[in-house]
Protein backbone atom coordinates (compact mmCIF):
# COMPACT_ATOMS: atom_id res chain seq x y z
CA ASP A 1 -16.45 -8.39 13.83
CA GLY A 2 -14.22 -10.37 11.50
CA PHE A 3 -13.27 -7.43 9.25
CA LEU A 4 -9.55 -8.37 9.23
CA ASN A 5 -10.00 -12.18 9.27
CA THR A 6 -8.09 -13.07 6.18
CA PRO A 7 -6.84 -16.22 4.52
CA GLN A 8 -3.48 -14.57 4.05
CA ILE A 9 -1.29 -11.48 4.55
CA LEU A 10 1.33 -10.82 1.86
CA TYR A 11 4.36 -8.52 2.29
CA THR A 12 6.79 -6.81 -0.05
CA VAL A 13 10.39 -6.79 1.00
CA PRO A 14 11.34 -3.79 3.36
CA GLY A 15 12.82 -0.49 2.01
CA LEU A 16 11.15 -0.53 -1.40
CA HIS A 17 10.19 3.20 -1.06
CA GLN A 18 13.81 3.63 -2.26
CA GLU A 19 13.31 1.30 -5.30
CA VAL A 20 9.98 2.39 -6.61
CA LYS A 21 10.04 0.29 -9.78
CA GLU A 22 10.62 -2.84 -7.67
CA LEU A 23 7.98 -1.73 -5.21
CA GLU A 24 5.44 -1.53 -8.04
CA ILE A 25 6.50 -4.91 -9.50
CA GLN A 26 6.13 -6.63 -6.08
CA LEU A 27 2.91 -4.87 -5.26
CA VAL A 28 1.18 -5.75 -8.44
CA LYS A 29 2.38 -9.41 -8.30
CA LEU A 30 1.22 -9.74 -4.71
CA VAL A 31 -2.20 -8.20 -5.32
CA HIS A 32 -2.76 -10.71 -8.24
CA LYS A 33 -1.66 -13.48 -5.89
CA ALA A 34 -4.17 -12.30 -3.27
CA LYS A 35 -6.89 -12.02 -5.81
CA GLU A 36 -6.54 -15.75 -6.47
CA VAL A 37 -7.72 -16.38 -2.88
CA CYS A 38 -10.21 -13.63 -2.30
CA ASP A 39 -12.06 -10.92 -4.13
CA LYS A 40 -11.22 -7.98 -1.85
CA VAL A 41 -7.61 -6.77 -1.25
CA ILE A 42 -6.44 -4.01 1.10
CA VAL A 43 -3.09 -2.33 0.17
CA VAL A 44 -1.36 -0.96 3.20
CA TYR A 45 1.13 1.57 1.77
CA GLY A 46 1.28 5.32 2.42
CA GLY A 47 0.57 7.59 -0.47
CA LYS A 48 2.67 10.77 -0.21
CA PHE A 49 6.15 9.62 0.56
CA CYS A 50 6.17 5.86 0.33
CA TYR A 51 5.98 5.89 -3.49
CA VAL A 52 7.73 8.82 -5.25
CA ASN A 53 8.43 8.01 -8.82
CA VAL A 54 10.91 10.59 -10.13
CA ASP A 55 10.58 9.20 -13.70
CA GLU A 56 6.80 9.64 -13.59
CA PRO A 57 6.07 12.34 -10.99
CA LEU A 58 2.34 12.27 -11.50
CA ARG A 59 2.16 8.53 -10.90
CA ARG A 60 0.98 7.86 -7.35
CA MET A 61 0.38 4.87 -5.21
CA GLN A 62 -3.42 5.46 -5.69
CA THR A 63 -2.90 5.33 -9.47
CA ILE A 64 -1.39 1.81 -9.08
CA VAL A 65 -4.23 0.65 -6.84
CA GLU A 66 -6.86 1.89 -9.19
CA GLU A 67 -5.14 0.10 -12.12
CA LEU A 68 -5.37 -3.11 -10.18
CA GLY A 69 -9.11 -3.10 -10.56
CA GLU A 70 -12.30 -3.57 -8.66
CA GLY A 71 -11.99 -5.00 -5.13
CA VAL A 72 -8.56 -3.51 -4.49
CA VAL A 73 -8.41 -0.51 -2.04
CA ARG A 74 -5.66 1.34 -0.20
CA ILE A 75 -5.77 2.52 3.33
CA GLU A 76 -5.91 6.33 3.13
CA ALA A 77 -2.74 7.59 4.70
CA THR A 78 -0.01 9.96 3.51
CA HIS A 79 2.75 8.10 5.38
CA CYS A 80 3.10 4.40 6.33
CA MET A 81 3.57 5.49 9.90
CA ASP A 82 0.00 7.03 9.88
CA MET A 83 -1.30 3.56 9.70
CA LEU A 84 0.19 2.87 13.10
CA ALA A 85 -0.35 6.24 14.77
CA SER A 86 -2.19 9.42 13.67
CA GLU A 87 -0.28 12.63 12.98
CA SER A 88 -1.34 14.07 16.34
CA GLU A 89 -0.21 10.88 18.14
CA ARG A 90 3.08 11.10 16.37
CA GLN A 91 3.46 14.79 17.39
CA GLN A 92 2.76 13.77 21.02
CA ILE A 93 5.48 11.11 20.87
CA ALA A 94 7.97 13.52 19.34
């Protein structure tokens, strides 16, 4: 139905869950870049384990997304892998 027809897909570099400060820097930069082209942005990052900020343990991926303003949403998933397969599907594979 055209839901995912998009003028662009932007990626952060791999492995940033280990470098949360850089993850946040790249994510914010890329969302701002995406907002130059369209008014709705989908962030595809898990929430529970993909962003763990030991310096600010209450800061979450959802917090960053909310700070990015209107039109920016995140796919609701605890793990990045949940965006590819549900927890039950992963259990079956395991």
